[in-house]
Amino acid sequence: MRLLLAVAVLVLAFVAYTEAQEDTVEGTITRFGQHVTEIGSNLLERGKDAIERAQNSDIAVASKKLFQDGWGKLKDTLADLIQ
């Protein structure tokens, strides 16, 4: 009877240990997924900020204005030549 009770306790302990290991692996995978998602979100946010700062920089604004003025002058010159 004692042997049967001891075997039953060992089986229950083994089952509990196995379930604890599965929770640990599952929890680790879940935490890893959350961590990767967080890193991706941070990277995306930083990228958007960098692009916005580059578009709004003084050099970018001045270059855009210069090209727009040059294109406008070229169109006017071509329009005068065609007429």
C-alpha atoms as a PDB file:
ATOM      1  CA  MET A   1       0.000   0.000   0.000  1.00  0.00           C
ATOM      2  CA  ARG A   2       2.824   2.387   0.871  1.00  0.00           C
ATOM      3  CA  LEU A   3       4.578   1.579  -2.394  1.00  0.00           C
ATOM      4  CA  LEU A   4       1.414   2.335  -4.367  1.00  0.00           C
ATOM      5  CA  LEU A   5       0.965   5.623  -2.507  1.00  0.00           C
ATOM      6  CA  ALA A   6       4.616   6.546  -3.091  1.00  0.00           C
ATOM      7  CA  VAL A   7       4.317   5.781  -6.821  1.00  0.00           C
ATOM      8  CA  ALA A   8       1.132   7.860  -7.041  1.00  0.00           C
ATOM      9  CA  VAL A   9       2.857  10.797  -5.329  1.00  0.00           C
ATOM     10  CA  LEU A  10       5.851  10.507  -7.664  1.00  0.00           C
ATOM     11  CA  VAL A  11       3.565  10.432 -10.720  1.00  0.00           C
ATOM     12  CA  LEU A  12       1.714  13.528  -9.509  1.00  0.00           C
ATOM     13  CA  ALA A  13       5.002  15.275  -8.799  1.00  0.00           C
ATOM     14  CA  PHE A  14       6.241  14.379 -12.285  1.00  0.00           C
ATOM     15  CA  VAL A  15       3.035  15.684 -13.892  1.00  0.00           C
ATOM     16  CA  ALA A  16       3.260  18.918 -11.902  1.00  0.00           C
ATOM     17  CA  TYR A  17       6.926  19.317 -12.876  1.00  0.00           C
ATOM     18  CA  THR A  18       6.132  18.681 -16.545  1.00  0.00           C
ATOM     19  CA  GLU A  19       3.290  21.219 -16.537  1.00  0.00           C
ATOM     20  CA  ALA A  20       5.536  23.753 -14.828  1.00  0.00           C
ATOM     21  CA  GLN A  21       8.167  23.228 -17.523  1.00  0.00           C
ATOM     22  CA  GLU A  22       5.583  23.701 -20.277  1.00  0.00           C
ATOM     23  CA  ASP A  23       4.365  26.916 -18.679  1.00  0.00           C
ATOM     24  CA  THR A  24       7.922  28.135 -18.478  1.00  0.00           C
ATOM     25  CA  VAL A  25       8.613  27.382 -22.133  1.00  0.00           C
ATOM     26  CA  GLU A  26       5.280  28.828 -23.193  1.00  0.00           C
ATOM     27  CA  GLY A  27       5.835  31.889 -21.023  1.00  0.00           C
ATOM     28  CA  THR A  28       9.315  32.340 -22.427  1.00  0.00           C
ATOM     29  CA  ILE A  29       8.021  32.184 -25.995  1.00  0.00           C
ATOM     30  CA  THR A  30       5.240  34.636 -25.155  1.00  0.00           C
ATOM     31  CA  ARG A  31       7.674  37.071 -23.519  1.00  0.00           C
ATOM     32  CA  PHE A  32      10.027  36.744 -26.477  1.00  0.00           C
ATOM     33  CA  GLY A  33       7.190  37.563 -28.880  1.00  0.00           C
ATOM     34  CA  GLN A  34       6.200  40.581 -26.839  1.00  0.00           C
ATOM     35  CA  HIS A  35       9.808  41.735 -26.697  1.00  0.00           C
ATOM     36  CA  VAL A  36      10.210  41.426 -30.477  1.00  0.00           C
ATOM     37  CA  THR A  37       6.952  43.325 -31.002  1.00  0.00           C
ATOM     38  CA  GLU A  38       8.114  46.099 -28.670  1.00  0.00           C
ATOM     39  CA  ILE A  39      11.479  46.371 -30.436  1.00  0.00           C
ATOM     40  CA  GLY A  40       9.724  46.546 -33.813  1.00  0.00           C
ATOM     41  CA  SER A  41       7.378  49.273 -32.611  1.00  0.00           C
ATOM     42  CA  ASN A  42      10.257  51.314 -31.187  1.00  0.00           C
ATOM     43  CA  LEU A  43      12.272  50.910 -34.376  1.00  0.00           C
ATOM     44  CA  LEU A  44       9.313  51.977 -36.515  1.00  0.00           C
ATOM     45  CA  GLU A  45       8.697  55.015 -34.330  1.00  0.00           C
ATOM     46  CA  ARG A  46      12.345  56.060 -34.478  1.00  0.00           C
ATOM     47  CA  GLY A  47      12.389  55.614 -38.239  1.00  0.00           C
ATOM     48  CA  LYS A  48       9.314  57.787 -38.688  1.00  0.00           C
ATOM     49  CA  ASP A  49      10.854  60.485 -36.485  1.00  0.00           C
ATOM     50  CA  ALA A  50      14.117  60.401 -38.455  1.00  0.00           C
ATOM     51  CA  ILE A  51      12.315  60.700 -41.797  1.00  0.00           C
ATOM     52  CA  GLU A  52      10.176  63.553 -40.500  1.00  0.00           C
ATOM     53  CA  ARG A  53      13.234  65.424 -39.188  1.00  0.00           C
ATOM     54  CA  ALA A  54      15.020  64.905 -42.530  1.00  0.00           C
ATOM     55  CA  GLN A  55      12.036  66.221 -44.503  1.00  0.00           C
ATOM     56  CA  ASN A  56      11.680  69.266 -42.280  1.00  0.00           C
ATOM     57  CA  SER A  57      15.390  70.125 -42.102  1.00  0.00           C
ATOM     58  CA  ASP A  58      16.564  73.474 -43.455  1.00  0.00           C
ATOM     59  CA  ILE A  59      18.669  71.836 -46.165  1.00  0.00           C
ATOM     60  CA  ALA A  60      15.762  69.732 -47.424  1.00  0.00           C
ATOM     61  CA  VAL A  61      13.366  72.688 -47.475  1.00  0.00           C
ATOM     62  CA  ALA A  62      15.897  74.942 -49.242  1.00  0.00           C
ATOM     63  CA  SER A  63      16.744  72.230 -51.806  1.00  0.00           C
ATOM     64  CA  LYS A  64      13.081  71.620 -52.539  1.00  0.00           C
ATOM     65  CA  LYS A  65      12.481  75.345 -53.045  1.00  0.00           C
ATOM     66  CA  LEU A  66      15.541  75.614 -55.305  1.00  0.00           C
ATOM     67  CA  PHE A  67      14.407  72.736 -57.511  1.00  0.00           C
ATOM     68  CA  GLN A  68      10.850  74.070 -57.688  1.00  0.00           C
ATOM     69  CA  ASP A  69      12.103  77.507 -58.722  1.00  0.00           C
ATOM     70  CA  GLY A  70      14.456  76.000 -61.324  1.00  0.00           C
ATOM     71  CA  TRP A  71      11.674  73.792 -62.727  1.00  0.00           C
ATOM     72  CA  GLY A  72       9.349  76.795 -62.935  1.00  0.00           C
ATOM     73  CA  LYS A  73      11.965  78.833 -64.805  1.00  0.00           C
ATOM     74  CA  LEU A  74      12.621  75.927 -67.182  1.00  0.00           C
ATOM     75  CA  LYS A  75       8.894  75.572 -67.920  1.00  0.00           C
ATOM     76  CA  ASP A  76       8.591  79.310 -68.569  1.00  0.00           C
ATOM     77  CA  THR A  77      11.611  79.251 -70.884  1.00  0.00           C
ATOM     78  CA  LEU A  78      10.240  76.295 -72.829  1.00  0.00           C
ATOM     79  CA  ALA A  79       6.832  77.966 -73.074  1.00  0.00           C
ATOM     80  CA  ASP A  80       8.446  81.118 -74.511  1.00  0.00           C
ATOM     81  CA  LEU A  81      10.460  79.079 -77.044  1.00  0.00           C
ATOM     82  CA  ILE A  82       7.411  77.157 -78.238  1.00  0.00           C
ATOM     83  CA  GLN A  83       5.368  80.292 -78.851  1.00  0.00           C
END
